C-alpha atoms as a PDB file:
ATOM      1  CA  UNK A   1       0.000   0.000   0.000  1.00  0.00           C
ATOM      2  CA  UNK A   2       1.414   3.364  -1.018  1.00  0.00           C
ATOM      3  CA  UNK A   3       0.885   6.218   1.411  1.00  0.00           C
ATOM      4  CA  UNK A   4       0.754   9.760   0.171  1.00  0.00           C
ATOM      5  CA  UNK A   5       1.387  12.842   2.196  1.00  0.00           C
ATOM      6  CA  UNK A   6      -1.471  15.339   2.646  1.00  0.00           C
ATOM      7  CA  UNK A   7       0.357  17.706   0.291  1.00  0.00           C
ATOM      8  CA  UNK A   8       0.544  15.076  -2.451  1.00  0.00           C
ATOM      9  CA  UNK A   9      -3.099  14.042  -1.946  1.00  0.00           C
ATOM     10  CA  UNK A  10      -4.409  17.598  -2.133  1.00  0.00           C
ATOM     11  CA  UNK A  11      -2.455  18.288  -5.302  1.00  0.00           C
ATOM     12  CA  UNK A  12      -4.247  15.504  -7.204  1.00  0.00           C
ATOM     13  CA  UNK A  13      -7.539  15.156  -5.336  1.00  0.00           C
ATOM     14  CA  UNK A  14     -10.286  17.593  -6.301  1.00  0.00           C
ATOM     15  CA  UNK A  15     -12.106  16.995  -3.000  1.00  0.00           C
ATOM     16  CA  UNK A  16      -9.141  18.084  -0.929  1.00  0.00           C
ATOM     17  CA  UNK A  17      -7.706  20.656  -3.347  1.00  0.00           C
ATOM     18  CA  UNK A  18      -9.286  23.196  -0.999  1.00  0.00           C
ATOM     19  CA  UNK A  19      -8.691  21.858   2.519  1.00  0.00           C
ATOM     20  CA  UNK A  20     -11.652  21.253   4.837  1.00  0.00           C
ATOM     21  CA  UNK A  21     -12.501  24.008   7.290  1.00  0.00           C
ATOM     22  CA  UNK A  22     -11.361  23.743  10.863  1.00  0.00           C
ATOM     23  CA  UNK A  23     -13.773  21.888  13.166  1.00  0.00           C
ATOM     24  CA  UNK A  24     -14.725  25.197  14.838  1.00  0.00           C
ATOM     25  CA  UNK A  25     -15.432  26.899  11.493  1.00  0.00           C
ATOM     26  CA  UNK A  26     -17.392  23.849  10.301  1.00  0.00           C
ATOM     27  CA  UNK A  27     -19.487  23.813  13.495  1.00  0.00           C
ATOM     28  CA  UNK A  28     -20.259  27.521  13.078  1.00  0.00           C
ATOM     29  CA  UNK A  29     -21.195  27.083   9.398  1.00  0.00           C
ATOM     30  CA  UNK A  30     -23.391  24.001   9.839  1.00  0.00           C
ATOM     31  CA  UNK A  31     -25.012  25.431  12.955  1.00  0.00           C
ATOM     32  CA  UNK A  32     -25.862  28.577  11.006  1.00  0.00           C
ATOM     33  CA  UNK A  33     -27.175  26.477   8.132  1.00  0.00           C
ATOM     34  CA  UNK A  34     -29.669  24.779  10.444  1.00  0.00           C
ATOM     35  CA  UNK A  35     -30.814  28.211  11.647  1.00  0.00           C
ATOM     36  CA  UNK A  36     -31.702  29.064   8.035  1.00  0.00           C
ATOM     37  CA  UNK A  37     -33.018  25.740   6.703  1.00  0.00           C
ATOM     38  CA  UNK A  38     -35.428  22.926   7.531  1.00  0.00           C
ATOM     39  CA  UNK A  39     -36.042  19.842   5.425  1.00  0.00           C
ATOM     40  CA  UNK A  40     -39.415  18.540   4.282  1.00  0.00           C
ATOM     41  CA  UNK A  41     -39.351  15.576   6.663  1.00  0.00           C
ATOM     42  CA  UNK A  42     -38.850  17.808   9.690  1.00  0.00           C
ATOM     43  CA  UNK A  43     -41.586  20.217   8.545  1.00  0.00           C
ATOM     44  CA  UNK A  44     -43.975  17.326   7.850  1.00  0.00           C
ATOM     45  CA  UNK A  45     -43.225  15.747  11.223  1.00  0.00           C
ATOM     46  CA  UNK A  46     -43.856  19.009  13.086  1.00  0.00           C
ATOM     47  CA  UNK A  47     -47.124  19.592  11.218  1.00  0.00           C
ATOM     48  CA  UNK A  48     -48.290  15.983  11.755  1.00  0.00           C
ATOM     49  CA  UNK A  49     -47.641  16.116  15.501  1.00  0.00           C
ATOM     50  CA  UNK A  50     -50.868  18.056  15.950  1.00  0.00           C
ATOM     51  CA  UNK A  51     -51.368  21.303  17.758  1.00  0.00           C
ATOM     52  CA  UNK A  52     -49.478  24.467  16.963  1.00  0.00           C
ATOM     53  CA  UNK A  53     -46.091  23.673  15.394  1.00  0.00           C
ATOM     54  CA  UNK A  54     -44.820  27.142  16.288  1.00  0.00           C
ATOM     55  CA  UNK A  55     -44.360  28.232  12.677  1.00  0.00           C
ATOM     56  CA  UNK A  56     -46.372  28.927   9.550  1.00  0.00           C
ATOM     57  CA  UNK A  57     -45.547  27.499   6.116  1.00  0.00           C
ATOM     58  CA  UNK A  58     -45.581  29.895   3.154  1.00  0.00           C
ATOM     59  CA  UNK A  59     -45.819  28.771  -0.465  1.00  0.00           C
ATOM     60  CA  UNK A  60     -44.136  31.499  -2.512  1.00  0.00           C
ATOM     61  CA  UNK A  61     -45.153  30.210  -5.963  1.00  0.00           C
ATOM     62  CA  UNK A  62     -47.720  31.423  -8.473  1.00  0.00           C
ATOM     63  CA  UNK A  63     -51.430  30.645  -8.244  1.00  0.00           C
ATOM     64  CA  UNK A  64     -51.142  28.101 -11.075  1.00  0.00           C
ATOM     65  CA  UNK A  65     -48.364  26.317  -9.163  1.00  0.00           C
ATOM     66  CA  UNK A  66     -50.338  26.474  -5.898  1.00  0.00           C
ATOM     67  CA  UNK A  67     -53.339  24.924  -7.657  1.00  0.00           C
ATOM     68  CA  UNK A  68     -51.191  22.025  -8.922  1.00  0.00           C
ATOM     69  CA  UNK A  69     -50.268  21.136  -5.360  1.00  0.00           C
ATOM     70  CA  UNK A  70     -49.263  22.652  -2.040  1.00  0.00           C
ATOM     71  CA  UNK A  71     -48.492  21.710   1.539  1.00  0.00           C
ATOM     72  CA  UNK A  72     -51.730  21.347   3.539  1.00  0.00           C
ATOM     73  CA  UNK A  73     -52.270  24.366   5.740  1.00  0.00           C
ATOM     74  CA  UNK A  74     -49.704  26.490   3.929  1.00  0.00           C
ATOM     75  CA  UNK A  75     -50.343  30.173   3.302  1.00  0.00           C
ATOM     76  CA  UNK A  76     -50.210  31.152  -0.365  1.00  0.00           C
ATOM     77  CA  UNK A  77     -48.081  34.277  -0.672  1.00  0.00           C
ATOM     78  CA  UNK A  78     -46.243  34.685  -3.984  1.00  0.00           C
ATOM     79  CA  UNK A  79     -42.880  36.372  -3.547  1.00  0.00           C
ATOM     80  CA  UNK A  80     -43.850  39.454  -5.566  1.00  0.00           C
ATOM     81  CA  UNK A  81     -46.793  40.084  -3.220  1.00  0.00           C
ATOM     82  CA  UNK A  82     -44.886  39.761   0.062  1.00  0.00           C
ATOM     83  CA  UNK A  83     -44.257  43.505   0.584  1.00  0.00           C
ATOM     84  CA  UNK A  84     -47.934  44.400   0.243  1.00  0.00           C
ATOM     85  CA  UNK A  85     -49.652  41.316   1.730  1.00  0.00           C
ATOM     86  CA  UNK A  86     -47.376  39.781   4.382  1.00  0.00           C
ATOM     87  CA  UNK A  87     -48.640  41.941   7.241  1.00  0.00           C
ATOM     88  CA  UNK A  88     -52.256  40.946   6.544  1.00  0.00           C
ATOM     89  CA  UNK A  89     -51.459  37.207   6.313  1.00  0.00           C
ATOM     90  CA  UNK A  90     -48.632  36.612   8.780  1.00  0.00           C
ATOM     91  CA  UNK A  91     -47.902  37.384  12.421  1.00  0.00           C
ATOM     92  CA  UNK A  92     -44.473  38.935  13.006  1.00  0.00           C
ATOM     93  CA  UNK A  93     -44.168  36.884  16.211  1.00  0.00           C
ATOM     94  CA  UNK A  94     -44.530  33.532  14.404  1.00  0.00           C
ATOM     95  CA  UNK A  95     -41.565  32.091  12.490  1.00  0.00           C
ATOM     96  CA  UNK A  96     -42.139  31.416   8.797  1.00  0.00           C
ATOM     97  CA  UNK A  97     -40.934  28.475   6.688  1.00  0.00           C
ATOM     98  CA  UNK A  98     -40.889  29.255   2.960  1.00  0.00           C
ATOM     99  CA  UNK A  99     -40.903  26.881   0.018  1.00  0.00           C
ATOM    100  CA  UNK A 100     -41.111  26.966  -3.768  1.00  0.00           C
ATOM    101  CA  UNK A 101     -40.865  24.217  -6.421  1.00  0.00           C
ATOM    102  CA  UNK A 102     -37.692  22.410  -5.429  1.00  0.00           C
ATOM    103  CA  UNK A 103     -33.931  22.402  -5.209  1.00  0.00           C
ATOM    104  CA  UNK A 104     -33.556  23.846  -8.708  1.00  0.00           C
ATOM    105  CA  UNK A 105     -35.562  26.941  -7.787  1.00  0.00           C
ATOM    106  CA  UNK A 106     -34.466  29.789  -5.532  1.00  0.00           C
ATOM    107  CA  UNK A 107     -37.948  31.269  -5.138  1.00  0.00           C
ATOM    108  CA  UNK A 108     -38.112  30.203  -1.484  1.00  0.00           C
ATOM    109  CA  UNK A 109     -34.788  31.943  -0.898  1.00  0.00           C
ATOM    110  CA  UNK A 110     -36.088  35.161  -2.466  1.00  0.00           C
ATOM    111  CA  UNK A 111     -39.284  34.892  -0.392  1.00  0.00           C
ATOM    112  CA  UNK A 112     -37.272  34.278   2.788  1.00  0.00           C
ATOM    113  CA  UNK A 113     -35.150  37.336   2.042  1.00  0.00           C
ATOM    114  CA  UNK A 114     -38.224  39.518   1.440  1.00  0.00           C
ATOM    115  CA  UNK A 115     -39.812  38.318   4.689  1.00  0.00           C
ATOM    116  CA  UNK A 116     -36.607  38.784   6.694  1.00  0.00           C
ATOM    117  CA  UNK A 117     -36.329  42.336   5.352  1.00  0.00           C
ATOM    118  CA  UNK A 118     -39.824  42.950   6.744  1.00  0.00           C
ATOM    119  CA  UNK A 119     -38.795  41.691  10.182  1.00  0.00           C
ATOM    120  CA  UNK A 120     -39.976  38.052  10.103  1.00  0.00           C
ATOM    121  CA  UNK A 121     -37.966  35.146  11.493  1.00  0.00           C
ATOM    122  CA  UNK A 122     -37.701  32.792   8.549  1.00  0.00           C
ATOM    123  CA  UNK A 123     -36.322  29.447   7.406  1.00  0.00           C
ATOM    124  CA  UNK A 124     -36.304  27.926   3.951  1.00  0.00           C
ATOM    125  CA  UNK A 125     -37.682  24.399   3.452  1.00  0.00           C
ATOM    126  CA  UNK A 126     -35.022  22.481   1.546  1.00  0.00           C
ATOM    127  CA  UNK A 127     -36.367  20.406  -1.320  1.00  0.00           C
ATOM    128  CA  UNK A 128     -39.499  22.505  -1.749  1.00  0.00           C
ATOM    129  CA  UNK A 129     -42.766  21.116  -3.000  1.00  0.00           C
ATOM    130  CA  UNK A 130     -40.966  18.614  -5.242  1.00  0.00           C
ATOM    131  CA  UNK A 131     -39.450  16.770  -2.305  1.00  0.00           C
ATOM    132  CA  UNK A 132     -42.611  17.132  -0.234  1.00  0.00           C
ATOM    133  CA  UNK A 133     -44.432  15.092  -2.885  1.00  0.00           C
ATOM    134  CA  UNK A 134     -41.468  12.779  -3.618  1.00  0.00           C
ATOM    135  CA  UNK A 135     -41.150  11.837   0.042  1.00  0.00           C
ATOM    136  CA  UNK A 136     -44.782  10.717   0.020  1.00  0.00           C
ATOM    137  CA  UNK A 137     -46.383  13.467   2.110  1.00  0.00           C
ATOM    138  CA  UNK A 138     -50.005  14.360   1.434  1.00  0.00           C
ATOM    139  CA  UNK A 139     -50.685  17.565  -0.456  1.00  0.00           C
ATOM    140  CA  UNK A 140     -53.653  19.571  -1.647  1.00  0.00           C
ATOM    141  CA  UNK A 141     -54.562  20.565  -5.197  1.00  0.00           C
ATOM    142  CA  UNK A 142     -57.404  22.642  -6.579  1.00  0.00           C
ATOM    143  CA  UNK A 143     -59.293  19.332  -6.928  1.00  0.00           C
ATOM    144  CA  UNK A 144     -58.658  18.091  -3.358  1.00  0.00           C
ATOM    145  CA  UNK A 145     -56.132  16.019  -1.464  1.00  0.00           C
ATOM    146  CA  UNK A 146     -53.538  13.787  -3.046  1.00  0.00           C
ATOM    147  CA  UNK A 147     -50.664  11.610  -1.913  1.00  0.00           C
ATOM    148  CA  UNK A 148     -48.110   9.635  -3.894  1.00  0.00           C
ATOM    149  CA  UNK A 149     -45.919   6.746  -2.901  1.00  0.00           C
ATOM    150  CA  UNK A 150     -42.547   7.762  -1.508  1.00  0.00           C
ATOM    151  CA  UNK A 151     -39.721   7.777  -4.040  1.00  0.00           C
ATOM    152  CA  UNK A 152     -37.175   5.230  -2.741  1.00  0.00           C
ATOM    153  CA  UNK A 153     -34.376   7.564  -3.858  1.00  0.00           C
ATOM    154  CA  UNK A 154     -35.562  10.306  -1.478  1.00  0.00           C
ATOM    155  CA  UNK A 155     -37.226   8.563   1.459  1.00  0.00           C
ATOM    156  CA  UNK A 156     -37.130   5.173   3.178  1.00  0.00           C
ATOM    157  CA  UNK A 157     -39.866   2.929   1.801  1.00  0.00           C
ATOM    158  CA  UNK A 158     -40.496   0.814   4.896  1.00  0.00           C
ATOM    159  CA  UNK A 159     -39.665   3.285   7.667  1.00  0.00           C
ATOM    160  CA  UNK A 160     -40.953   6.729   8.583  1.00  0.00           C
ATOM    161  CA  UNK A 161     -37.521   7.784   9.866  1.00  0.00           C
ATOM    162  CA  UNK A 162     -34.514   8.053   7.559  1.00  0.00           C
ATOM    163  CA  UNK A 163     -32.176   8.195  10.547  1.00  0.00           C
ATOM    164  CA  UNK A 164     -30.694  11.568   9.581  1.00  0.00           C
END
């Protein structure tokens, strides 16, 4: 077995070409990330627990997108309407979790920014509506409720907990 020094490994390895952050810097970064983000499983679990989850979910997409499917109980507030409608729909004292289509869309990020600029505590739901549906959580459409089987590439098929 040939051993390489860290210098040799980083010169040829694209993963380590930029060295990892120090443990303290990594803890600060990942801790901050959790302050800004929640995933669909955690949001679904909090909503399913019954009672007041302590936050409100905001769908920042268009009406056509909302009609195709949205998280049950979510507030529909398209990003462009946040400055004029947020105060009438949301309580400044209640944290907000925003979502849009999915990981390829930054609409939830733009909505979170707009809400934060208005003084709301806000998190972005990673995965958006796409992963809500792909993980098998029930959703509402303009025609009523719907639920699809969990995609085995995004959620455990035989267990409610992925162990993350």
